[in-house]
Amino acid sequence: MKQMISVIGLMPAQASMLANEFRNKADIRFWDKGNALSKLKSLATKSDRVFMRTQLTNHNTSAILRNAQAKVTLVHGGISMLRKNLEEFLNGNV
């Protein structure tokens, strides 16, 4: 069974690229600030891991994840760093 991963803070084109790249490795869901906060809480509680890009998220997002007791990996960098973090997690190196 694939692990469910949520990614927060991507542009739609970036999300599409990652979804295609990791489609055989994980069930990846995406959330951005245009989505409802209730969806974020739902994703946080269902996900095996949440990856959050720090540049594109705010304190409210962090508070919701903290309150949901989500397992969060903060990504300090761009899409290349996110990809590296995803690979490390999926290979059991986190």
Protein backbone atom coordinates (compact mmCIF):
# COMPACT_ATOMS: atom_id res chain seq x y z
CA MET A 1 0.00 0.00 0.00
CA LYS A 2 1.32 3.44 -0.92
CA GLN A 3 1.96 5.98 1.77
CA MET A 4 -0.27 9.04 1.74
CA ILE A 5 1.71 12.26 1.57
CA SER A 6 0.40 15.82 1.59
CA VAL A 7 2.35 18.68 0.07
CA ILE A 8 1.61 22.27 0.99
CA GLY A 9 2.78 25.37 -0.83
CA LEU A 10 3.16 24.47 -4.51
CA MET A 11 1.96 26.20 -7.63
CA PRO A 12 -0.44 24.08 -9.77
CA ALA A 13 2.19 23.30 -12.44
CA GLN A 14 4.65 22.15 -9.76
CA ALA A 15 1.99 19.97 -8.13
CA SER A 16 1.16 18.36 -11.47
CA MET A 17 4.83 17.65 -12.16
CA LEU A 18 5.37 16.03 -8.75
CA ALA A 19 2.13 14.04 -8.99
CA ASN A 20 3.33 12.53 -12.26
CA GLU A 21 6.85 11.91 -11.00
CA PHE A 22 5.78 10.12 -7.80
CA ARG A 23 2.53 8.50 -8.97
CA ASN A 24 3.91 4.96 -8.64
CA LYS A 25 5.61 5.61 -5.31
CA ALA A 26 3.06 7.42 -3.14
CA ASP A 27 -0.47 8.76 -2.91
CA ILE A 28 0.31 12.48 -2.98
CA ARG A 29 -2.28 15.12 -2.16
CA PHE A 30 -1.81 18.85 -2.52
CA TRP A 31 -3.12 21.87 -0.63
CA ASP A 32 -2.60 25.57 -1.21
CA LYS A 33 -4.00 28.68 0.41
CA GLY A 34 -6.85 28.77 -2.12
CA ASN A 35 -8.31 25.58 -0.62
CA ALA A 36 -10.52 25.43 2.45
CA LEU A 37 -8.79 25.18 5.82
CA SER A 38 -11.03 22.22 6.68
CA LYS A 39 -9.40 20.32 3.79
CA LEU A 40 -5.98 21.05 5.28
CA LYS A 41 -7.01 19.60 8.64
CA SER A 42 -8.44 16.52 6.94
CA LEU A 43 -5.27 15.98 4.91
CA ALA A 44 -3.12 16.48 7.98
CA THR A 45 -4.89 13.80 9.99
CA LYS A 46 -4.95 11.27 7.13
CA SER A 47 -1.40 11.72 5.85
CA ASP A 48 1.58 9.61 6.79
CA ARG A 49 3.66 12.77 6.31
CA VAL A 50 3.04 16.41 5.41
CA PHE A 51 5.70 18.34 3.50
CA MET A 52 5.34 22.09 3.88
CA ARG A 53 7.29 24.64 1.86
CA THR A 54 8.06 27.37 4.35
CA GLN A 55 8.24 30.24 1.84
CA LEU A 56 4.68 29.83 0.63
CA THR A 57 2.79 29.12 3.86
CA ASN A 58 1.76 31.16 6.88
CA HIS A 59 1.46 30.80 10.65
CA ASN A 60 -2.22 29.83 10.42
CA THR A 61 -1.29 26.85 8.25
CA SER A 62 1.39 25.80 10.74
CA ALA A 63 -1.06 26.12 13.65
CA ILE A 64 -3.63 23.88 11.93
CA LEU A 65 -0.99 21.21 11.28
CA ARG A 66 0.28 21.43 14.86
CA ASN A 67 -3.25 21.13 16.28
CA ALA A 68 -3.90 18.12 14.04
CA GLN A 69 -0.68 16.55 15.37
CA ALA A 70 0.51 16.00 11.81
CA LYS A 71 3.97 14.62 11.10
CA VAL A 72 5.44 17.61 9.27
CA THR A 73 8.66 18.02 7.33
CA LEU A 74 9.51 21.66 6.72
CA VAL A 75 11.02 22.25 3.29
CA HIS A 76 13.39 25.22 3.19
CA GLY A 77 13.94 25.66 -0.53
CA GLY A 78 12.40 25.07 -3.89
CA ILE A 79 11.04 22.13 -5.83
CA SER A 80 14.46 20.40 -5.97
CA MET A 81 14.69 20.37 -2.17
CA LEU A 82 11.11 19.12 -1.89
CA ARG A 83 11.87 16.33 -4.36
CA LYS A 84 14.95 15.36 -2.31
CA ASN A 85 12.92 15.33 0.93
CA LEU A 86 10.20 13.18 -0.68
CA GLU A 87 12.75 10.68 -2.00
CA GLU A 88 14.45 10.43 1.40
CA PHE A 89 11.14 9.85 3.15
CA LEU A 90 9.97 7.24 0.67
CA ASN A 91 13.32 5.44 0.92
CA GLY A 92 13.05 5.35 4.72
CA ASN A 93 15.81 7.87 5.36
CA VAL A 94 13.75 10.32 7.45
